[in-house]
């Protein structure tokens, strides 16, 4: 796995979290996530076959959204974190 691929998916994870109203750094500071959890989320994203669709979906969003696309492999994690950040 290349560094570029990891960086691409780390960026997608961060942007998807932001779209869901989740600040991953804040979640880590509140002990809702560990660095290992964040790594697992990114690695889960790396396994996705739709990063181009994700990129397009993210570009089309404005403000906070109530759910991620159906193909998002981290949808449950983002939903749980979004509930906790309310």
PDB file of N, CA and C in Angstrom:
ATOM      1  N   UNK A   1       0.850  -1.173   0.000  1.00  0.00           N
ATOM      2  CA  UNK A   1       0.000   0.000   0.000  1.00  0.00           C
ATOM      3  C   UNK A   1       0.900   1.243   0.000  1.00  0.00           C
ATOM      4  N   UNK A   2       0.573   2.174  -0.849  1.00  0.00           N
ATOM      5  CA  UNK A   2       1.408   3.357  -0.967  1.00  0.00           C
ATOM      6  C   UNK A   2       1.010   4.432   0.048  1.00  0.00           C
ATOM      7  N   UNK A   3       1.974   5.298   0.331  1.00  0.00           N
ATOM      8  CA  UNK A   3       1.685   6.432   1.223  1.00  0.00           C
ATOM      9  C   UNK A   3       0.601   7.318   0.620  1.00  0.00           C
ATOM     10  N   UNK A   4       0.644   7.494  -0.698  1.00  0.00           N
ATOM     11  CA  UNK A   4      -0.349   8.346  -1.363  1.00  0.00           C
ATOM     12  C   UNK A   4      -1.759   7.781  -1.180  1.00  0.00           C
ATOM     13  N   UNK A   5      -1.886   6.478  -1.274  1.00  0.00           N
ATOM     14  CA  UNK A   5      -3.202   5.856  -1.103  1.00  0.00           C
ATOM     15  C   UNK A   5      -3.694   6.043   0.328  1.00  0.00           C
ATOM     16  N   UNK A   6      -2.808   5.846   1.293  1.00  0.00           N
ATOM     17  CA  UNK A   6      -3.179   6.063   2.694  1.00  0.00           C
ATOM     18  C   UNK A   6      -3.598   7.510   2.936  1.00  0.00           C
ATOM     19  N   UNK A   7      -2.841   8.443   2.381  1.00  0.00           N
ATOM     20  CA  UNK A   7      -3.164   9.863   2.561  1.00  0.00           C
ATOM     21  C   UNK A   7      -4.503  10.199   1.918  1.00  0.00           C
ATOM     22  N   UNK A   8      -4.767   9.635   0.748  1.00  0.00           N
ATOM     23  CA  UNK A   8      -6.044   9.871   0.070  1.00  0.00           C
ATOM     24  C   UNK A   8      -7.200   9.407   0.942  1.00  0.00           C
ATOM     25  N   UNK A   9      -7.083   8.208   1.486  1.00  0.00           N
ATOM     26  CA  UNK A   9      -8.167   7.676   2.306  1.00  0.00           C
ATOM     27  C   UNK A   9      -8.254   8.374   3.665  1.00  0.00           C
ATOM     28  N   UNK A  10      -7.132   8.772   4.222  1.00  0.00           N
ATOM     29  CA  UNK A  10      -7.168   9.543   5.475  1.00  0.00           C
ATOM     30  C   UNK A  10      -7.914  10.861   5.245  1.00  0.00           C
ATOM     31  N   UNK A  11      -7.688  11.470   4.085  1.00  0.00           N
ATOM     32  CA  UNK A  11      -8.384  12.709   3.746  1.00  0.00           C
ATOM     33  C   UNK A  11      -9.882  12.448   3.573  1.00  0.00           C
ATOM     34  N   UNK A  12     -10.234  11.363   2.887  1.00  0.00           N
ATOM     35  CA  UNK A  12     -11.647  11.027   2.710  1.00  0.00           C
ATOM     36  C   UNK A  12     -12.329  10.784   4.056  1.00  0.00           C
ATOM     37  N   UNK A  13     -11.649  10.079   4.951  1.00  0.00           N
ATOM     38  CA  UNK A  13     -12.200   9.819   6.290  1.00  0.00           C
ATOM     39  C   UNK A  13     -12.432  11.137   7.028  1.00  0.00           C
ATOM     40  N   UNK A  14     -11.458  12.009   6.991  1.00  0.00           N
ATOM     41  CA  UNK A  14     -11.585  13.288   7.687  1.00  0.00           C
ATOM     42  C   UNK A  14     -12.733  14.107   7.109  1.00  0.00           C
ATOM     43  N   UNK A  15     -12.826  14.141   5.795  1.00  0.00           N
ATOM     44  CA  UNK A  15     -13.886  14.911   5.144  1.00  0.00           C
ATOM     45  C   UNK A  15     -15.264  14.295   5.389  1.00  0.00           C
ATOM     46  N   UNK A  16     -15.337  12.962   5.392  1.00  0.00           N
ATOM     47  CA  UNK A  16     -16.621  12.302   5.656  1.00  0.00           C
ATOM     48  C   UNK A  16     -17.051  12.568   7.105  1.00  0.00           C
ATOM     49  N   UNK A  17     -16.104  12.497   8.022  1.00  0.00           N
ATOM     50  CA  UNK A  17     -16.412  12.793   9.423  1.00  0.00           C
ATOM     51  C   UNK A  17     -16.927  14.229   9.547  1.00  0.00           C
ATOM     52  N   UNK A  18     -16.260  15.153   8.903  1.00  0.00           N
ATOM     53  CA  UNK A  18     -16.675  16.559   8.943  1.00  0.00           C
ATOM     54  C   UNK A  18     -18.072  16.719   8.359  1.00  0.00           C
ATOM     55  N   UNK A  19     -18.345  16.031   7.250  1.00  0.00           N
ATOM     56  CA  UNK A  19     -19.677  16.100   6.636  1.00  0.00           C
ATOM     57  C   UNK A  19     -20.750  15.608   7.607  1.00  0.00           C
ATOM     58  N   UNK A  20     -20.403  14.653   8.445  1.00  0.00           N
ATOM     59  CA  UNK A  20     -21.345  14.110   9.438  1.00  0.00           C
ATOM     60  C   UNK A  20     -21.374  14.942  10.721  1.00  0.00           C
ATOM     61  N   UNK A  21     -20.563  15.997  10.764  1.00  0.00           N
ATOM     62  CA  UNK A  21     -20.544  16.847  11.948  1.00  0.00           C
ATOM     63  C   UNK A  21     -19.644  16.330  13.048  1.00  0.00           C
ATOM     64  N   UNK A  22     -18.689  15.486  12.671  1.00  0.00           N
ATOM     65  CA  UNK A  22     -17.778  14.866  13.634  1.00  0.00           C
ATOM     66  C   UNK A  22     -16.380  15.445  13.462  1.00  0.00           C
ATOM     67  N   UNK A  23     -15.790  15.874  14.563  1.00  0.00           N
ATOM     68  CA  UNK A  23     -14.403  16.327  14.586  1.00  0.00           C
ATOM     69  C   UNK A  23     -13.581  15.187  15.189  1.00  0.00           C
ATOM     70  N   UNK A  24     -12.807  14.507  14.355  1.00  0.00           N
ATOM     71  CA  UNK A  24     -12.050  13.340  14.823  1.00  0.00           C
ATOM     72  C   UNK A  24     -11.031  13.710  15.895  1.00  0.00           C
ATOM     73  N   UNK A  25     -10.406  14.863  15.759  1.00  0.00           N
ATOM     74  CA  UNK A  25      -9.436  15.288  16.784  1.00  0.00           C
ATOM     75  C   UNK A  25     -10.134  15.498  18.121  1.00  0.00           C
ATOM     76  N   UNK A  26     -11.282  16.140  18.079  1.00  0.00           N
ATOM     77  CA  UNK A  26     -12.049  16.370  19.308  1.00  0.00           C
ATOM     78  C   UNK A  26     -12.498  15.037  19.913  1.00  0.00           C
ATOM     79  N   UNK A  27     -12.939  14.117  19.061  1.00  0.00           N
ATOM     80  CA  UNK A  27     -13.353  12.791  19.549  1.00  0.00           C
ATOM     81  C   UNK A  27     -12.180  12.084  20.226  1.00  0.00           C
ATOM     82  N   UNK A  28     -10.988  12.240  19.675  1.00  0.00           N
ATOM     83  CA  UNK A  28      -9.808  11.624  20.290  1.00  0.00           C
ATOM     84  C   UNK A  28      -9.489  12.298  21.627  1.00  0.00           C
ATOM     85  N   UNK A  29      -9.600  13.622  21.676  1.00  0.00           N
ATOM     86  CA  UNK A  29      -9.335  14.342  22.923  1.00  0.00           C
ATOM     87  C   UNK A  29     -10.340  13.980  24.010  1.00  0.00           C
ATOM     88  N   UNK A  30     -11.544  13.646  23.624  1.00  0.00           N
ATOM     89  CA  UNK A  30     -12.585  13.250  24.584  1.00  0.00           C
ATOM     90  C   UNK A  30     -12.536  11.758  24.889  1.00  0.00           C
ATOM     91  N   UNK A  31     -11.519  11.085  24.400  1.00  0.00           N
ATOM     92  CA  UNK A  31     -11.316   9.647  24.617  1.00  0.00           C
ATOM     93  C   UNK A  31     -12.436   8.796  24.025  1.00  0.00           C
ATOM     94  N   UNK A  32     -13.078   9.325  22.986  1.00  0.00           N
ATOM     95  CA  UNK A  32     -14.094   8.548  22.268  1.00  0.00           C
ATOM     96  C   UNK A  32     -13.435   7.666  21.208  1.00  0.00           C
ATOM     97  N   UNK A  33     -12.227   8.048  20.803  1.00  0.00           N
ATOM     98  CA  UNK A  33     -11.431   7.302  19.830  1.00  0.00           C
ATOM     99  C   UNK A  33      -9.989   7.279  20.283  1.00  0.00           C
ATOM    100  N   UNK A  34      -9.317   6.180  20.001  1.00  0.00           N
ATOM    101  CA  UNK A  34      -7.871   6.112  20.224  1.00  0.00           C
ATOM    102  C   UNK A  34      -7.180   6.302  18.879  1.00  0.00           C
ATOM    103  N   UNK A  35      -5.884   6.587  18.883  1.00  0.00           N
ATOM    104  CA  UNK A  35      -5.164   6.640  17.605  1.00  0.00           C
ATOM    105  C   UNK A  35      -5.318   5.333  16.814  1.00  0.00           C
ATOM    106  N   UNK A  36      -5.357   4.212  17.511  1.00  0.00           N
ATOM    107  CA  UNK A  36      -5.545   2.926  16.831  1.00  0.00           C
ATOM    108  C   UNK A  36      -6.922   2.848  16.179  1.00  0.00           C
ATOM    109  N   UNK A  37      -7.945   3.398  16.838  1.00  0.00           N
ATOM    110  CA  UNK A  37      -9.297   3.424  16.254  1.00  0.00           C
ATOM    111  C   UNK A  37      -9.286   4.221  14.948  1.00  0.00           C
ATOM    112  N   UNK A  38      -8.630   5.366  14.971  1.00  0.00           N
ATOM    113  CA  UNK A  38      -8.569   6.205  13.780  1.00  0.00           C
ATOM    114  C   UNK A  38      -7.828   5.476  12.664  1.00  0.00           C
ATOM    115  N   UNK A  39      -6.751   4.810  12.998  1.00  0.00           N
ATOM    116  CA  UNK A  39      -6.022   4.012  12.000  1.00  0.00           C
ATOM    117  C   UNK A  39      -6.924   2.934  11.413  1.00  0.00           C
ATOM    118  N   UNK A  40      -7.695   2.274  12.255  1.00  0.00           N
ATOM    119  CA  UNK A  40      -8.612   1.231  11.782  1.00  0.00           C
ATOM    120  C   UNK A  40      -9.675   1.807  10.845  1.00  0.00           C
ATOM    121  N   UNK A  41     -10.177   2.986  11.160  1.00  0.00           N
ATOM    122  CA  UNK A  41     -11.174   3.640  10.308  1.00  0.00           C
ATOM    123  C   UNK A  41     -10.565   3.928   8.931  1.00  0.00           C
ATOM    124  N   UNK A  42      -9.344   4.448   8.922  1.00  0.00           N
ATOM    125  CA  UNK A  42      -8.675   4.746   7.647  1.00  0.00           C
ATOM    126  C   UNK A  42      -8.417   3.455   6.874  1.00  0.00           C
ATOM    127  N   UNK A  43      -7.934   2.424   7.549  1.00  0.00           N
ATOM    128  CA  UNK A  43      -7.672   1.154   6.858  1.00  0.00           C
ATOM    129  C   UNK A  43      -8.959   0.538   6.329  1.00  0.00           C
ATOM    130  N   UNK A  44     -10.045   0.694   7.049  1.00  0.00           N
ATOM    131  CA  UNK A  44     -11.340   0.231   6.565  1.00  0.00           C
ATOM    132  C   UNK A  44     -11.717   0.970   5.283  1.00  0.00           C
ATOM    133  N   UNK A  45     -11.459   2.250   5.259  1.00  0.00           N
ATOM    134  CA  UNK A  45     -11.723   3.074   4.078  1.00  0.00           C
ATOM    135  C   UNK A  45     -10.840   2.630   2.902  1.00  0.00           C
ATOM    136  N   UNK A  46      -9.601   2.290   3.181  1.00  0.00           N
ATOM    137  CA  UNK A  46      -8.681   1.846   2.118  1.00  0.00           C
ATOM    138  C   UNK A  46      -9.259   0.638   1.385  1.00  0.00           C
ATOM    139  N   UNK A  47     -10.017  -0.196   2.087  1.00  0.00           N
ATOM    140  CA  UNK A  47     -10.614  -1.373   1.473  1.00  0.00           C
ATOM    141  C   UNK A  47     -11.831  -1.075   0.601  1.00  0.00           C
ATOM    142  N   UNK A  48     -12.286   0.157   0.592  1.00  0.00           N
ATOM    143  CA  UNK A  48     -13.465   0.537  -0.186  1.00  0.00           C
ATOM    144  C   UNK A  48     -13.141   0.544  -1.683  1.00  0.00           C
ATOM    145  N   UNK A  49     -14.113   0.143  -2.469  1.00  0.00           N
ATOM    146  CA  UNK A  49     -13.926   0.124  -3.920  1.00  0.00           C
ATOM    147  C   UNK A  49     -14.504   1.359  -4.602  1.00  0.00           C
ATOM    148  N   UNK A  50     -14.990   2.338  -3.811  1.00  0.00           N
ATOM    149  CA  UNK A  50     -15.656   3.499  -4.397  1.00  0.00           C
ATOM    150  C   UNK A  50     -15.071   4.845  -3.957  1.00  0.00           C
ATOM    151  N   UNK A  51     -13.751   4.986  -3.874  1.00  0.00           N
ATOM    152  CA  UNK A  51     -13.228   6.280  -3.424  1.00  0.00           C
ATOM    153  C   UNK A  51     -13.560   7.430  -4.373  1.00  0.00           C
ATOM    154  N   UNK A  52     -13.674   7.150  -5.668  1.00  0.00           N
ATOM    155  CA  UNK A  52     -14.015   8.211  -6.621  1.00  0.00           C
ATOM    156  C   UNK A  52     -15.456   8.682  -6.390  1.00  0.00           C
ATOM    157  N   UNK A  53     -16.358   7.732  -6.144  1.00  0.00           N
ATOM    158  CA  UNK A  53     -17.751   8.092  -5.851  1.00  0.00           C
ATOM    159  C   UNK A  53     -17.826   8.877  -4.552  1.00  0.00           C
ATOM    160  N   UNK A  54     -17.032   8.484  -3.577  1.00  0.00           N
ATOM    161  CA  UNK A  54     -16.989   9.180  -2.288  1.00  0.00           C
ATOM    162  C   UNK A  54     -16.525  10.623  -2.494  1.00  0.00           C
ATOM    163  N   UNK A  55     -15.481  10.786  -3.264  1.00  0.00           N
ATOM    164  CA  UNK A  55     -14.944  12.128  -3.559  1.00  0.00           C
ATOM    165  C   UNK A  55     -16.031  13.011  -4.174  1.00  0.00           C
ATOM    166  N   UNK A  56     -16.738  12.476  -5.157  1.00  0.00           N
ATOM    167  CA  UNK A  56     -17.807  13.242  -5.822  1.00  0.00           C
ATOM    168  C   UNK A  56     -18.931  13.552  -4.842  1.00  0.00           C
ATOM    169  N   UNK A  57     -19.297  12.578  -4.027  1.00  0.00           N
ATOM    170  CA  UNK A  57     -20.363  12.786  -3.047  1.00  0.00           C
ATOM    171  C   UNK A  57     -19.971  13.888  -2.075  1.00  0.00           C
ATOM    172  N   UNK A  58     -18.742  13.829  -1.573  1.00  0.00           N
ATOM    173  CA  UNK A  58     -18.273  14.833  -0.621  1.00  0.00           C
ATOM    174  C   UNK A  58     -18.262  16.229  -1.244  1.00  0.00           C
ATOM    175  N   UNK A  59     -17.858  16.327  -2.496  1.00  0.00           N
ATOM    176  CA  UNK A  59     -17.826  17.633  -3.166  1.00  0.00           C
ATOM    177  C   UNK A  59     -19.217  18.233  -3.297  1.00  0.00           C
ATOM    178  N   UNK A  60     -20.233  17.380  -3.402  1.00  0.00           N
ATOM    179  CA  UNK A  60     -21.609  17.856  -3.597  1.00  0.00           C
ATOM    180  C   UNK A  60     -22.299  18.263  -2.299  1.00  0.00           C
ATOM    181  N   UNK A  61     -21.708  17.946  -1.156  1.00  0.00           N
ATOM    182  CA  UNK A  61     -22.353  18.214   0.135  1.00  0.00           C
ATOM    183  C   UNK A  61     -22.065  19.626   0.612  1.00  0.00           C
ATOM    184  N   UNK A  62     -23.053  20.181   1.279  1.00  0.00           N
ATOM    185  CA  UNK A  62     -22.884  21.480   1.924  1.00  0.00           C
ATOM    186  C   UNK A  62     -23.429  21.368   3.334  1.00  0.00           C
ATOM    187  N   UNK A  63     -22.625  21.773   4.282  1.00  0.00           N
ATOM    188  CA  UNK A  63     -23.055  21.690   5.669  1.00  0.00           C
ATOM    189  C   UNK A  63     -23.013  20.259   6.186  1.00  0.00           C
ATOM    190  N   UNK A  64     -23.670  20.052   7.310  1.00  0.00           N
ATOM    191  CA  UNK A  64     -23.686  18.743   7.954  1.00  0.00           C
ATOM    192  C   UNK A  64     -24.792  17.878   7.359  1.00  0.00           C
ATOM    193  N   UNK A  65     -24.472  16.626   7.121  1.00  0.00           N
ATOM    194  CA  UNK A  65     -25.449  15.677   6.567  1.00  0.00           C
ATOM    195  C   UNK A  65     -25.849  14.673   7.641  1.00  0.00           C
ATOM    196  N   UNK A  66     -27.029  14.062   7.466  1.00  0.00           N
ATOM    197  CA  UNK A  66     -27.537  13.149   8.484  1.00  0.00           C
ATOM    198  C   UNK A  66     -27.073  11.712   8.297  1.00  0.00           C
ATOM    199  N   UNK A  67     -26.540  11.379   7.122  1.00  0.00           N
ATOM    200  CA  UNK A  67     -25.979  10.041   6.933  1.00  0.00           C
ATOM    201  C   UNK A  67     -24.968  10.032   5.806  1.00  0.00           C
ATOM    202  N   UNK A  68     -24.166   8.997   5.820  1.00  0.00           N
ATOM    203  CA  UNK A  68     -23.156   8.813   4.778  1.00  0.00           C
ATOM    204  C   UNK A  68     -23.773   8.014   3.633  1.00  0.00           C
ATOM    205  N   UNK A  69     -23.098   7.955   2.489  1.00  0.00           N
ATOM    206  CA  UNK A  69     -23.604   7.109   1.397  1.00  0.00           C
ATOM    207  C   UNK A  69     -23.693   5.651   1.864  1.00  0.00           C
ATOM    208  N   UNK A  70     -24.574   4.902   1.258  1.00  0.00           N
ATOM    209  CA  UNK A  70     -24.794   3.519   1.648  1.00  0.00           C
ATOM    210  C   UNK A  70     -23.573   2.628   1.549  1.00  0.00           C
ATOM    211  N   UNK A  71     -22.644   2.987   0.689  1.00  0.00           N
ATOM    212  CA  UNK A  71     -21.446   2.163   0.502  1.00  0.00           C
ATOM    213  C   UNK A  71     -20.326   2.474   1.502  1.00  0.00           C
ATOM    214  N   UNK A  72     -20.514   3.482   2.338  1.00  0.00           N
ATOM    215  CA  UNK A  72     -19.444   3.870   3.268  1.00  0.00           C
ATOM    216  C   UNK A  72     -19.200   2.753   4.277  1.00  0.00           C
ATOM    217  N   UNK A  73     -17.973   2.302   4.328  1.00  0.00           N
ATOM    218  CA  UNK A  73     -17.611   1.199   5.223  1.00  0.00           C
ATOM    219  C   UNK A  73     -17.510   1.639   6.679  1.00  0.00           C
ATOM    220  N   UNK A  74     -17.523   2.943   6.915  1.00  0.00           N
ATOM    221  CA  UNK A  74     -17.427   3.478   8.274  1.00  0.00           C
ATOM    222  C   UNK A  74     -18.718   4.174   8.712  1.00  0.00           C
ATOM    223  N   UNK A  75     -19.798   3.905   8.012  1.00  0.00           N
ATOM    224  CA  UNK A  75     -21.065   4.588   8.300  1.00  0.00           C
ATOM    225  C   UNK A  75     -21.474   4.448   9.766  1.00  0.00           C
ATOM    226  N   UNK A  76     -21.361   3.245  10.309  1.00  0.00           N
ATOM    227  CA  UNK A  76     -21.776   3.023  11.705  1.00  0.00           C
ATOM    228  C   UNK A  76     -20.904   3.805  12.683  1.00  0.00           C
ATOM    229  N   UNK A  77     -19.621   3.859  12.415  1.00  0.00           N
ATOM    230  CA  UNK A  77     -18.696   4.608  13.284  1.00  0.00           C
ATOM    231  C   UNK A  77     -19.042   6.089  13.265  1.00  0.00           C
ATOM    232  N   UNK A  78     -19.249   6.635  12.065  1.00  0.00           N
ATOM    233  CA  UNK A  78     -19.577   8.052  11.957  1.00  0.00           C
ATOM    234  C   UNK A  78     -20.930   8.353  12.602  1.00  0.00           C
ATOM    235  N   UNK A  79     -21.902   7.463  12.442  1.00  0.00           N
ATOM    236  CA  UNK A  79     -23.212   7.670  13.057  1.00  0.00           C
ATOM    237  C   UNK A  79     -23.092   7.678  14.573  1.00  0.00           C
ATOM    238  N   UNK A  80     -22.318   6.745  15.118  1.00  0.00           N
ATOM    239  CA  UNK A  80     -22.132   6.682  16.569  1.00  0.00           C
ATOM    240  C   UNK A  80     -21.437   7.938  17.086  1.00  0.00           C
ATOM    241  N   UNK A  81     -20.392   8.366  16.400  1.00  0.00           N
ATOM    242  CA  UNK A  81     -19.661   9.563  16.818  1.00  0.00           C
ATOM    243  C   UNK A  81     -20.541  10.812  16.693  1.00  0.00           C
ATOM    244  N   UNK A  82     -21.354  10.865  15.660  1.00  0.00           N
ATOM    245  CA  UNK A  82     -22.242  12.017  15.478  1.00  0.00           C
ATOM    246  C   UNK A  82     -23.243  12.093  16.633  1.00  0.00           C
ATOM    247  N   UNK A  83     -23.761  10.965  17.076  1.00  0.00           N
ATOM    248  CA  UNK A  83     -24.685  10.944  18.212  1.00  0.00           C
ATOM    249  C   UNK A  83     -24.015  11.456  19.470  1.00  0.00           C
ATOM    250  N   UNK A  84     -22.773  11.055  19.662  1.00  0.00           N
ATOM    251  CA  UNK A  84     -22.042  11.454  20.871  1.00  0.00           C
ATOM    252  C   UNK A  84     -21.668  12.924  20.863  1.00  0.00           C
ATOM    253  N   UNK A  85     -21.556  13.533  19.680  1.00  0.00           N
ATOM    254  CA  UNK A  85     -21.104  14.913  19.615  1.00  0.00           C
ATOM    255  C   UNK A  85     -22.265  15.899  19.704  1.00  0.00           C
ATOM    256  N   UNK A  86     -23.487  15.389  19.765  1.00  0.00           N
ATOM    257  CA  UNK A  86     -24.663  16.287  19.867  1.00  0.00           C
ATOM    258  C   UNK A  86     -24.698  16.981  21.211  1.00  0.00           C
TER     259      UNK A  86
END
